[in-house]
Amino acid sequence: MKRVAFKMKLKPGKKEEYKERHDNIWPELKELLKEAGISDYSIYYDEETNILFATQKVEGEGSSQDLGDTEIVQEWWDYMADLMETNPDNSPVEVELEEVFHMD
């Protein structure tokens, strides 16, 4: 199992709406993530920069962002596009982060 970390950017003033939408994540999206081997998925928010920092554990070589060809993920991206910086297809602008330290 590998650990993945990445960052995204939230638009100013959108933290509460972002949190509310994730508190009510669609069950079919959550199931897809689990079926794809994604677990221990957390997203943190830095209020100074509006940066979202995400971590997840993944069975295999992919990550949650590799599910973009599925209809439910594309719908989620469309749903979230008004809250965050996105690419032309409404996927979040994401920067993968390099792990430089880990301790079990």
Protein backbone atom coordinates (compact mmCIF):
# COMPACT_ATOMS: atom_id res chain seq x y z
CA MET A 1 0.00 0.00 0.00
CA LYS A 2 1.35 3.42 -0.87
CA ARG A 3 0.63 6.82 0.64
CA VAL A 4 -0.28 9.72 -1.65
CA ALA A 5 -0.39 13.43 -0.81
CA PHE A 6 -1.47 16.34 -2.95
CA LYS A 7 -2.64 19.91 -2.63
CA MET A 8 -5.48 21.87 -4.21
CA LYS A 9 -6.64 25.47 -3.89
CA LEU A 10 -9.98 26.57 -2.46
CA LYS A 11 -11.53 29.85 -3.54
CA PRO A 12 -11.67 32.47 -0.75
CA GLY A 13 -14.68 32.23 1.53
CA LYS A 14 -15.65 28.72 0.38
CA LYS A 15 -14.39 26.64 3.32
CA GLU A 16 -17.76 26.06 5.01
CA GLU A 17 -19.50 25.08 1.77
CA TYR A 18 -16.60 22.76 0.85
CA LYS A 19 -16.77 21.11 4.26
CA GLU A 20 -20.57 20.74 4.09
CA ARG A 21 -20.42 19.10 0.67
CA HIS A 22 -17.79 16.64 1.88
CA ASP A 23 -19.76 15.94 5.07
CA ASN A 24 -22.49 14.80 2.67
CA ILE A 25 -20.30 13.02 0.12
CA TRP A 26 -22.37 10.96 -2.28
CA PRO A 27 -22.49 7.30 -1.17
CA GLU A 28 -21.83 6.03 -4.70
CA LEU A 29 -18.67 8.17 -4.90
CA LYS A 30 -17.48 6.90 -1.54
CA GLU A 31 -18.08 3.32 -2.69
CA LEU A 32 -16.15 3.91 -5.93
CA LEU A 33 -13.16 5.22 -3.95
CA LYS A 34 -13.21 2.16 -1.70
CA GLU A 35 -13.51 -0.20 -4.69
CA ALA A 36 -10.49 1.54 -6.25
CA GLY A 37 -8.42 0.67 -3.17
CA ILE A 38 -8.43 4.17 -1.64
CA SER A 39 -8.58 4.37 2.14
CA ASP A 40 -7.56 6.61 5.02
CA TYR A 41 -8.41 9.66 2.86
CA SER A 42 -8.16 13.01 4.66
CA ILE A 43 -8.28 16.61 3.47
CA TYR A 44 -6.89 19.46 5.58
CA TYR A 45 -7.37 23.20 5.10
CA ASP A 46 -4.80 25.99 5.56
CA GLU A 47 -6.75 29.18 6.26
CA GLU A 48 -3.80 31.49 5.49
CA THR A 49 -3.38 30.24 1.92
CA ASN A 50 -6.73 28.53 1.11
CA ILE A 51 -4.68 25.42 0.31
CA LEU A 52 -6.31 22.03 0.73
CA PHE A 53 -3.83 19.30 1.66
CA ALA A 54 -5.01 15.73 0.99
CA THR A 55 -3.58 12.37 1.99
CA GLN A 56 -4.76 8.89 1.13
CA LYS A 57 -3.59 5.31 1.16
CA VAL A 58 -3.88 3.44 -2.11
CA GLU A 59 -3.71 -0.24 -3.03
CA GLY A 60 -1.90 -0.36 -6.38
CA GLU A 61 -0.37 2.47 -8.35
CA GLY A 62 -3.21 4.97 -8.85
CA SER A 63 -4.93 7.59 -6.72
CA SER A 64 -8.39 9.12 -6.47
CA GLN A 65 -7.52 11.52 -9.27
CA ASP A 66 -7.11 8.59 -11.68
CA LEU A 67 -10.87 7.98 -11.53
CA GLY A 68 -11.66 11.01 -13.68
CA ASP A 69 -13.01 8.97 -16.55
CA THR A 70 -15.96 7.76 -14.45
CA GLU A 71 -19.30 9.51 -14.71
CA ILE A 72 -19.76 9.95 -10.96
CA VAL A 73 -16.33 11.59 -10.53
CA GLN A 74 -17.00 13.95 -13.44
CA GLU A 75 -20.34 14.88 -11.84
CA TRP A 76 -18.58 15.48 -8.48
CA TRP A 77 -15.99 17.69 -10.17
CA ASP A 78 -18.78 19.72 -11.80
CA TYR A 79 -20.53 20.00 -8.42
CA MET A 80 -17.34 21.23 -6.72
CA ALA A 81 -16.05 23.53 -9.50
CA ASP A 82 -17.56 26.70 -8.03
CA LEU A 83 -15.53 26.24 -4.84
CA MET A 84 -12.00 25.56 -6.05
CA GLU A 85 -9.44 26.18 -8.75
CA THR A 86 -10.11 23.77 -11.60
CA ASN A 87 -8.80 22.63 -14.95
CA PRO A 88 -10.92 23.07 -18.12
CA ASP A 89 -12.64 19.69 -17.46
CA ASN A 90 -13.55 20.88 -13.90
CA SER A 91 -11.06 18.49 -12.28
CA PRO A 92 -9.33 20.21 -9.37
CA VAL A 93 -5.96 21.75 -10.07
CA GLU A 94 -3.82 19.33 -8.13
CA VAL A 95 -0.14 19.27 -7.27
CA GLU A 96 1.25 15.94 -6.11
CA LEU A 97 3.58 16.27 -3.14
CA GLU A 98 6.78 14.35 -2.59
CA GLU A 99 7.13 12.54 0.72
CA VAL A 100 10.36 13.51 2.41
CA PHE A 101 9.75 11.90 5.81
CA HIS A 102 7.52 9.20 7.29
CA MET A 103 7.48 7.51 10.67
CA ASP A 104 5.26 4.60 11.69
